[in-house]
């Protein structure tokens, strides 16, 4: 889960989109 989040976050240039990706990653961890 953490590795996937790192990969996705590394591919996002737009800060707003990065925030959405960070929430998705955090929710995967929470679940």
ModelCIF file with pLDDT and N, C-alpha, C, O atoms, coordinates in Angstrom:
data_MODEL
#
_entry.id   MODEL 
#
_entity.id                         1 
_entity.type                       polymer 
_entity.pdbx_number_of_molecules   1 
#
_entity_poly.entity_id                      1 
_entity_poly.type                           'polypeptide(L)' 
_entity_poly.nstd_linkage                   no 
_entity_poly.nstd_monomer                   no 
_entity_poly.pdbx_seq_one_letter_code       
;(UNK)(UNK)(UNK)(UNK)(UNK)(UNK)(UNK)(UNK)(UNK)(UNK)(UNK)(UNK)(UNK)(UNK)(UNK)(UNK)
(UNK)(UNK)(UNK)(UNK)(UNK)(UNK)(UNK)(UNK)(UNK)(UNK)(UNK)(UNK)(UNK)(UNK)(UNK)
;
_entity_poly.pdbx_seq_one_letter_code_can   XXXXXXXXXXXXXXXXXXXXXXXXXXXXXXX 
_entity_poly.pdbx_strand_id                 A 
#
loop_
_entity_poly_seq.entity_id 
_entity_poly_seq.num 
_entity_poly_seq.mon_id 
_entity_poly_seq.hetero 
1 1  UNK n 
1 2  UNK n 
1 3  UNK n 
1 4  UNK n 
1 5  UNK n 
1 6  UNK n 
1 7  UNK n 
1 8  UNK n 
1 9  UNK n 
1 10 UNK n 
1 11 UNK n 
1 12 UNK n 
1 13 UNK n 
1 14 UNK n 
1 15 UNK n 
1 16 UNK n 
1 17 UNK n 
1 18 UNK n 
1 19 UNK n 
1 20 UNK n 
1 21 UNK n 
1 22 UNK n 
1 23 UNK n 
1 24 UNK n 
1 25 UNK n 
1 26 UNK n 
1 27 UNK n 
1 28 UNK n 
1 29 UNK n 
1 30 UNK n 
1 31 UNK n 
#
_struct_asym.id          A 
_struct_asym.entity_id   1 
#
loop_
_ma_qa_metric.id 
_ma_qa_metric.mode 
_ma_qa_metric.name 
_ma_qa_metric.software_group_id 
_ma_qa_metric.type 
1 global pLDDT . pLDDT 
2 local  pLDDT . pLDDT 
#
_ma_qa_metric_global.metric_id      1 
_ma_qa_metric_global.metric_value   91.29 
_ma_qa_metric_global.model_id       1 
_ma_qa_metric_global.ordinal_id     1 
#
loop_
_ma_qa_metric_local.label_asym_id 
_ma_qa_metric_local.label_comp_id 
_ma_qa_metric_local.label_seq_id 
_ma_qa_metric_local.metric_id 
_ma_qa_metric_local.metric_value 
_ma_qa_metric_local.model_id 
_ma_qa_metric_local.ordinal_id 
A UNK 1  2 93.00 1 1  
A UNK 2  2 92.00 1 2  
A UNK 3  2 92.00 1 3  
A UNK 4  2 89.00 1 4  
A UNK 5  2 85.00 1 5  
A UNK 6  2 85.00 1 6  
A UNK 7  2 86.00 1 7  
A UNK 8  2 83.00 1 8  
A UNK 9  2 80.00 1 9  
A UNK 10 2 82.00 1 10 
A UNK 11 2 81.00 1 11 
A UNK 12 2 86.00 1 12 
A UNK 13 2 88.00 1 13 
A UNK 14 2 94.00 1 14 
A UNK 15 2 94.00 1 15 
A UNK 16 2 94.00 1 16 
A UNK 17 2 95.00 1 17 
A UNK 18 2 94.00 1 18 
A UNK 19 2 95.00 1 19 
A UNK 20 2 95.00 1 20 
A UNK 21 2 94.00 1 21 
A UNK 22 2 95.00 1 22 
A UNK 23 2 96.00 1 23 
A UNK 24 2 95.00 1 24 
A UNK 25 2 94.00 1 25 
A UNK 26 2 95.00 1 26 
A UNK 27 2 95.00 1 27 
A UNK 28 2 95.00 1 28 
A UNK 29 2 95.00 1 29 
A UNK 30 2 96.00 1 30 
A UNK 31 2 97.00 1 31 
#
loop_
_atom_site.group_PDB 
_atom_site.id 
_atom_site.type_symbol 
_atom_site.label_atom_id 
_atom_site.label_alt_id 
_atom_site.label_comp_id 
_atom_site.label_asym_id 
_atom_site.label_entity_id 
_atom_site.label_seq_id 
_atom_site.pdbx_PDB_ins_code 
_atom_site.Cartn_x 
_atom_site.Cartn_y 
_atom_site.Cartn_z 
_atom_site.occupancy 
_atom_site.B_iso_or_equiv 
_atom_site.pdbx_formal_charge 
_atom_site.auth_seq_id 
_atom_site.auth_comp_id 
_atom_site.auth_asym_id 
_atom_site.auth_atom_id 
_atom_site.pdbx_PDB_model_num 
ATOM 1   N N  . UNK A 1 1  ? 0.844  -1.199 0.000   1.00 93.00 ? 1  UNK A N  1 
ATOM 2   C CA . UNK A 1 1  ? 0.000  0.000  0.000   1.00 93.00 ? 1  UNK A CA 1 
ATOM 3   C C  . UNK A 1 1  ? 0.879  1.250  0.000   1.00 93.00 ? 1  UNK A C  1 
ATOM 4   O O  . UNK A 1 1  ? 0.619  2.196  -0.744  1.00 93.00 ? 1  UNK A O  1 
ATOM 5   N N  . UNK A 1 2  ? 1.912  1.252  0.828   1.00 92.00 ? 2  UNK A N  1 
ATOM 6   C CA . UNK A 1 2  ? 2.810  2.411  0.914   1.00 92.00 ? 2  UNK A CA 1 
ATOM 7   C C  . UNK A 1 2  ? 3.607  2.573  -0.379  1.00 92.00 ? 2  UNK A C  1 
ATOM 8   O O  . UNK A 1 2  ? 3.783  3.692  -0.863  1.00 92.00 ? 2  UNK A O  1 
ATOM 9   N N  . UNK A 1 3  ? 4.082  1.480  -0.931  1.00 92.00 ? 3  UNK A N  1 
ATOM 10  C CA . UNK A 1 3  ? 4.837  1.531  -2.183  1.00 92.00 ? 3  UNK A CA 1 
ATOM 11  C C  . UNK A 1 3  ? 3.970  2.075  -3.319  1.00 92.00 ? 3  UNK A C  1 
ATOM 12  O O  . UNK A 1 3  ? 4.419  2.911  -4.104  1.00 92.00 ? 3  UNK A O  1 
ATOM 13  N N  . UNK A 1 4  ? 2.741  1.602  -3.400  1.00 89.00 ? 4  UNK A N  1 
ATOM 14  C CA . UNK A 1 4  ? 1.831  2.091  -4.439  1.00 89.00 ? 4  UNK A CA 1 
ATOM 15  C C  . UNK A 1 4  ? 1.564  3.582  -4.265  1.00 89.00 ? 4  UNK A C  1 
ATOM 16  O O  . UNK A 1 4  ? 1.547  4.328  -5.243  1.00 89.00 ? 4  UNK A O  1 
ATOM 17  N N  . UNK A 1 5  ? 1.357  4.014  -3.039  1.00 85.00 ? 5  UNK A N  1 
ATOM 18  C CA . UNK A 1 5  ? 1.121  5.439  -2.773  1.00 85.00 ? 5  UNK A CA 1 
ATOM 19  C C  . UNK A 1 5  ? 2.318  6.276  -3.202  1.00 85.00 ? 5  UNK A C  1 
ATOM 20  O O  . UNK A 1 5  ? 2.150  7.346  -3.788  1.00 85.00 ? 5  UNK A O  1 
ATOM 21  N N  . UNK A 1 6  ? 3.522  5.798  -2.916  1.00 85.00 ? 6  UNK A N  1 
ATOM 22  C CA . UNK A 1 6  ? 4.740  6.504  -3.325  1.00 85.00 ? 6  UNK A CA 1 
ATOM 23  C C  . UNK A 1 6  ? 4.823  6.624  -4.840  1.00 85.00 ? 6  UNK A C  1 
ATOM 24  O O  . UNK A 1 6  ? 5.163  7.684  -5.365  1.00 85.00 ? 6  UNK A O  1 
ATOM 25  N N  . UNK A 1 7  ? 4.512  5.541  -5.541  1.00 86.00 ? 7  UNK A N  1 
ATOM 26  C CA . UNK A 1 7  ? 4.573  5.541  -6.996  1.00 86.00 ? 7  UNK A CA 1 
ATOM 27  C C  . UNK A 1 7  ? 3.570  6.523  -7.586  1.00 86.00 ? 7  UNK A C  1 
ATOM 28  O O  . UNK A 1 7  ? 3.906  7.303  -8.477  1.00 86.00 ? 7  UNK A O  1 
ATOM 29  N N  . UNK A 1 8  ? 2.339  6.482  -7.087  1.00 83.00 ? 8  UNK A N  1 
ATOM 30  C CA . UNK A 1 8  ? 1.296  7.374  -7.605  1.00 83.00 ? 8  UNK A CA 1 
ATOM 31  C C  . UNK A 1 8  ? 1.652  8.824  -7.302  1.00 83.00 ? 8  UNK A C  1 
ATOM 32  O O  . UNK A 1 8  ? 1.558  9.684  -8.177  1.00 83.00 ? 8  UNK A O  1 
ATOM 33  N N  . UNK A 1 9  ? 2.061  9.097  -6.066  1.00 80.00 ? 9  UNK A N  1 
ATOM 34  C CA . UNK A 1 9  ? 2.398  10.467 -5.673  1.00 80.00 ? 9  UNK A CA 1 
ATOM 35  C C  . UNK A 1 9  ? 3.554  11.005 -6.505  1.00 80.00 ? 9  UNK A C  1 
ATOM 36  O O  . UNK A 1 9  ? 3.597  12.196 -6.815  1.00 80.00 ? 9  UNK A O  1 
ATOM 37  N N  . UNK A 1 10 ? 4.480  10.144 -6.863  1.00 82.00 ? 10 UNK A N  1 
ATOM 38  C CA . UNK A 1 10 ? 5.617  10.562 -7.677  1.00 82.00 ? 10 UNK A CA 1 
ATOM 39  C C  . UNK A 1 10 ? 5.246  10.911 -9.104  1.00 82.00 ? 10 UNK A C  1 
ATOM 40  O O  . UNK A 1 10 ? 6.019  11.565 -9.804  1.00 82.00 ? 10 UNK A O  1 
ATOM 41  N N  . UNK A 1 11 ? 4.077  10.485 -9.541  1.00 81.00 ? 11 UNK A N  1 
ATOM 42  C CA . UNK A 1 11 ? 3.637  10.727 -10.912 1.00 81.00 ? 11 UNK A CA 1 
ATOM 43  C C  . UNK A 1 11 ? 2.720  11.936 -11.039 1.00 81.00 ? 11 UNK A C  1 
ATOM 44  O O  . UNK A 1 11 ? 2.334  12.290 -12.153 1.00 81.00 ? 11 UNK A O  1 
ATOM 45  N N  . UNK A 1 12 ? 2.360  12.583 -9.929  1.00 86.00 ? 12 UNK A N  1 
ATOM 46  C CA . UNK A 1 12 ? 1.386  13.667 -9.937  1.00 86.00 ? 12 UNK A CA 1 
ATOM 47  C C  . UNK A 1 12 ? 2.099  15.006 -9.818  1.00 86.00 ? 12 UNK A C  1 
ATOM 48  O O  . UNK A 1 12 ? 2.873  15.228 -8.887  1.00 86.00 ? 12 UNK A O  1 
ATOM 49  N N  . UNK A 1 13 ? 1.829  15.905 -10.778 1.00 88.00 ? 13 UNK A N  1 
ATOM 50  C CA . UNK A 1 13 ? 2.443  17.232 -10.761 1.00 88.00 ? 13 UNK A CA 1 
ATOM 51  C C  . UNK A 1 13 ? 1.552  18.277 -10.110 1.00 88.00 ? 13 UNK A C  1 
ATOM 52  O O  . UNK A 1 13 ? 2.051  19.195 -9.459  1.00 88.00 ? 13 UNK A O  1 
ATOM 53  N N  . UNK A 1 14 ? 0.252  18.153 -10.274 1.00 94.00 ? 14 UNK A N  1 
ATOM 54  C CA . UNK A 1 14 ? -0.702 19.142 -9.761  1.00 94.00 ? 14 UNK A CA 1 
ATOM 55  C C  . UNK A 1 14 ? -0.938 18.912 -8.266  1.00 94.00 ? 14 UNK A C  1 
ATOM 56  O O  . UNK A 1 14 ? -1.300 17.809 -7.858  1.00 94.00 ? 14 UNK A O  1 
ATOM 57  N N  . UNK A 1 15 ? -0.734 19.952 -7.448  1.00 94.00 ? 15 UNK A N  1 
ATOM 58  C CA . UNK A 1 15 ? -0.866 19.810 -5.993  1.00 94.00 ? 15 UNK A CA 1 
ATOM 59  C C  . UNK A 1 15 ? -2.260 19.377 -5.554  1.00 94.00 ? 15 UNK A C  1 
ATOM 60  O O  . UNK A 1 15 ? -2.392 18.597 -4.610  1.00 94.00 ? 15 UNK A O  1 
ATOM 61  N N  . UNK A 1 16 ? -3.297 19.868 -6.220  1.00 94.00 ? 16 UNK A N  1 
ATOM 62  C CA . UNK A 1 16 ? -4.665 19.486 -5.842  1.00 94.00 ? 16 UNK A CA 1 
ATOM 63  C C  . UNK A 1 16 ? -4.925 18.016 -6.137  1.00 94.00 ? 16 UNK A C  1 
ATOM 64  O O  . UNK A 1 16 ? -5.577 17.319 -5.360  1.00 94.00 ? 16 UNK A O  1 
ATOM 65  N N  . UNK A 1 17 ? -4.411 17.557 -7.260  1.00 95.00 ? 17 UNK A N  1 
ATOM 66  C CA . UNK A 1 17 ? -4.552 16.143 -7.613  1.00 95.00 ? 17 UNK A CA 1 
ATOM 67  C C  . UNK A 1 17 ? -3.705 15.288 -6.661  1.00 95.00 ? 17 UNK A C  1 
ATOM 68  O O  . UNK A 1 17 ? -4.116 14.197 -6.266  1.00 95.00 ? 17 UNK A O  1 
ATOM 69  N N  . UNK A 1 18 ? -2.535 15.788 -6.301  1.00 94.00 ? 18 UNK A N  1 
ATOM 70  C CA . UNK A 1 18 ? -1.690 15.073 -5.340  1.00 94.00 ? 18 UNK A CA 1 
ATOM 71  C C  . UNK A 1 18 ? -2.414 14.919 -4.003  1.00 94.00 ? 18 UNK A C  1 
ATOM 72  O O  . UNK A 1 18 ? -2.356 13.856 -3.385  1.00 94.00 ? 18 UNK A O  1 
ATOM 73  N N  . UNK A 1 19 ? -3.098 15.979 -3.555  1.00 95.00 ? 19 UNK A N  1 
ATOM 74  C CA . UNK A 1 19 ? -3.860 15.882 -2.307  1.00 95.00 ? 19 UNK A CA 1 
ATOM 75  C C  . UNK A 1 19 ? -4.926 14.791 -2.394  1.00 95.00 ? 19 UNK A C  1 
ATOM 76  O O  . UNK A 1 19 ? -5.126 14.040 -1.439  1.00 95.00 ? 19 UNK A O  1 
ATOM 77  N N  . UNK A 1 20 ? -5.605 14.704 -3.527  1.00 95.00 ? 20 UNK A N  1 
ATOM 78  C CA . UNK A 1 20 ? -6.623 13.656 -3.707  1.00 95.00 ? 20 UNK A CA 1 
ATOM 79  C C  . UNK A 1 20 ? -5.973 12.269 -3.672  1.00 95.00 ? 20 UNK A C  1 
ATOM 80  O O  . UNK A 1 20 ? -6.524 11.332 -3.094  1.00 95.00 ? 20 UNK A O  1 
ATOM 81  N N  . UNK A 1 21 ? -4.800 12.148 -4.294  1.00 94.00 ? 21 UNK A N  1 
ATOM 82  C CA . UNK A 1 21 ? -4.080 10.868 -4.288  1.00 94.00 ? 21 UNK A CA 1 
ATOM 83  C C  . UNK A 1 21 ? -3.618 10.513 -2.870  1.00 94.00 ? 21 UNK A C  1 
ATOM 84  O O  . UNK A 1 21 ? -3.655 9.345  -2.481  1.00 94.00 ? 21 UNK A O  1 
ATOM 85  N N  . UNK A 1 22 ? -3.188 11.507 -2.107  1.00 95.00 ? 22 UNK A N  1 
ATOM 86  C CA . UNK A 1 22 ? -2.753 11.257 -0.732  1.00 95.00 ? 22 UNK A CA 1 
ATOM 87  C C  . UNK A 1 22 ? -3.909 10.774 0.134   1.00 95.00 ? 22 UNK A C  1 
ATOM 88  O O  . UNK A 1 22 ? -3.737 9.885  0.969   1.00 95.00 ? 22 UNK A O  1 
ATOM 89  N N  . UNK A 1 23 ? -5.086 11.360 -0.067  1.00 96.00 ? 23 UNK A N  1 
ATOM 90  C CA . UNK A 1 23 ? -6.260 10.901 0.691   1.00 96.00 ? 23 UNK A CA 1 
ATOM 91  C C  . UNK A 1 23 ? -6.584 9.459  0.321   1.00 96.00 ? 23 UNK A C  1 
ATOM 92  O O  . UNK A 1 23 ? -6.862 8.639  1.196   1.00 96.00 ? 23 UNK A O  1 
ATOM 93  N N  . UNK A 1 24 ? -6.550 9.150  -0.961  1.00 95.00 ? 24 UNK A N  1 
ATOM 94  C CA . UNK A 1 24 ? -6.843 7.778  -1.396  1.00 95.00 ? 24 UNK A CA 1 
ATOM 95  C C  . UNK A 1 24 ? -5.853 6.798  -0.769  1.00 95.00 ? 24 UNK A C  1 
ATOM 96  O O  . UNK A 1 24 ? -6.243 5.722  -0.316  1.00 95.00 ? 24 UNK A O  1 
ATOM 97  N N  . UNK A 1 25 ? -4.584 7.168  -0.744  1.00 94.00 ? 25 UNK A N  1 
ATOM 98  C CA . UNK A 1 25 ? -3.561 6.301  -0.142  1.00 94.00 ? 25 UNK A CA 1 
ATOM 99  C C  . UNK A 1 25 ? -3.807 6.149  1.353   1.00 94.00 ? 25 UNK A C  1 
ATOM 100 O O  . UNK A 1 25 ? -3.718 5.046  1.892   1.00 94.00 ? 25 UNK A O  1 
ATOM 101 N N  . UNK A 1 26 ? -4.115 7.253  2.021   1.00 95.00 ? 26 UNK A N  1 
ATOM 102 C CA . UNK A 1 26 ? -4.364 7.200  3.463   1.00 95.00 ? 26 UNK A CA 1 
ATOM 103 C C  . UNK A 1 26 ? -5.576 6.336  3.769   1.00 95.00 ? 26 UNK A C  1 
ATOM 104 O O  . UNK A 1 26 ? -5.586 5.616  4.767   1.00 95.00 ? 26 UNK A O  1 
ATOM 105 N N  . UNK A 1 27 ? -6.599 6.398  2.922   1.00 95.00 ? 27 UNK A N  1 
ATOM 106 C CA . UNK A 1 27 ? -7.780 5.577  3.166   1.00 95.00 ? 27 UNK A CA 1 
ATOM 107 C C  . UNK A 1 27 ? -7.499 4.102  2.919   1.00 95.00 ? 27 UNK A C  1 
ATOM 108 O O  . UNK A 1 27 ? -8.080 3.248  3.589   1.00 95.00 ? 27 UNK A O  1 
ATOM 109 N N  . UNK A 1 28 ? -6.631 3.787  1.984   1.00 95.00 ? 28 UNK A N  1 
ATOM 110 C CA . UNK A 1 28 ? -6.250 2.384  1.794   1.00 95.00 ? 28 UNK A CA 1 
ATOM 111 C C  . UNK A 1 28 ? -5.586 1.854  3.068   1.00 95.00 ? 28 UNK A C  1 
ATOM 112 O O  . UNK A 1 28 ? -5.839 0.726  3.492   1.00 95.00 ? 28 UNK A O  1 
ATOM 113 N N  . UNK A 1 29 ? -4.735 2.684  3.668   1.00 95.00 ? 29 UNK A N  1 
ATOM 114 C CA . UNK A 1 29 ? -4.094 2.312  4.930   1.00 95.00 ? 29 UNK A CA 1 
ATOM 115 C C  . UNK A 1 29 ? -5.146 2.148  6.027   1.00 95.00 ? 29 UNK A C  1 
ATOM 116 O O  . UNK A 1 29 ? -5.131 1.161  6.762   1.00 95.00 ? 29 UNK A O  1 
ATOM 117 N N  . UNK A 1 30 ? -6.056 3.113  6.136   1.00 96.00 ? 30 UNK A N  1 
ATOM 118 C CA . UNK A 1 30 ? -7.099 3.050  7.171   1.00 96.00 ? 30 UNK A CA 1 
ATOM 119 C C  . UNK A 1 30 ? -7.936 1.783  7.034   1.00 96.00 ? 30 UNK A C  1 
ATOM 120 O O  . UNK A 1 30 ? -8.244 1.131  8.032   1.00 96.00 ? 30 UNK A O  1 
ATOM 121 N N  . UNK A 1 31 ? -8.301 1.435  5.818   1.00 97.00 ? 31 UNK A N  1 
ATOM 122 C CA . UNK A 1 31 ? -9.144 0.258  5.611   1.00 97.00 ? 31 UNK A CA 1 
ATOM 123 C C  . UNK A 1 31 ? -8.400 -1.018 6.019   1.00 97.00 ? 31 UNK A C  1 
ATOM 124 O O  . UNK A 1 31 ? -8.951 -2.114 5.915   1.00 97.00 ? 31 UNK A O  1 
#
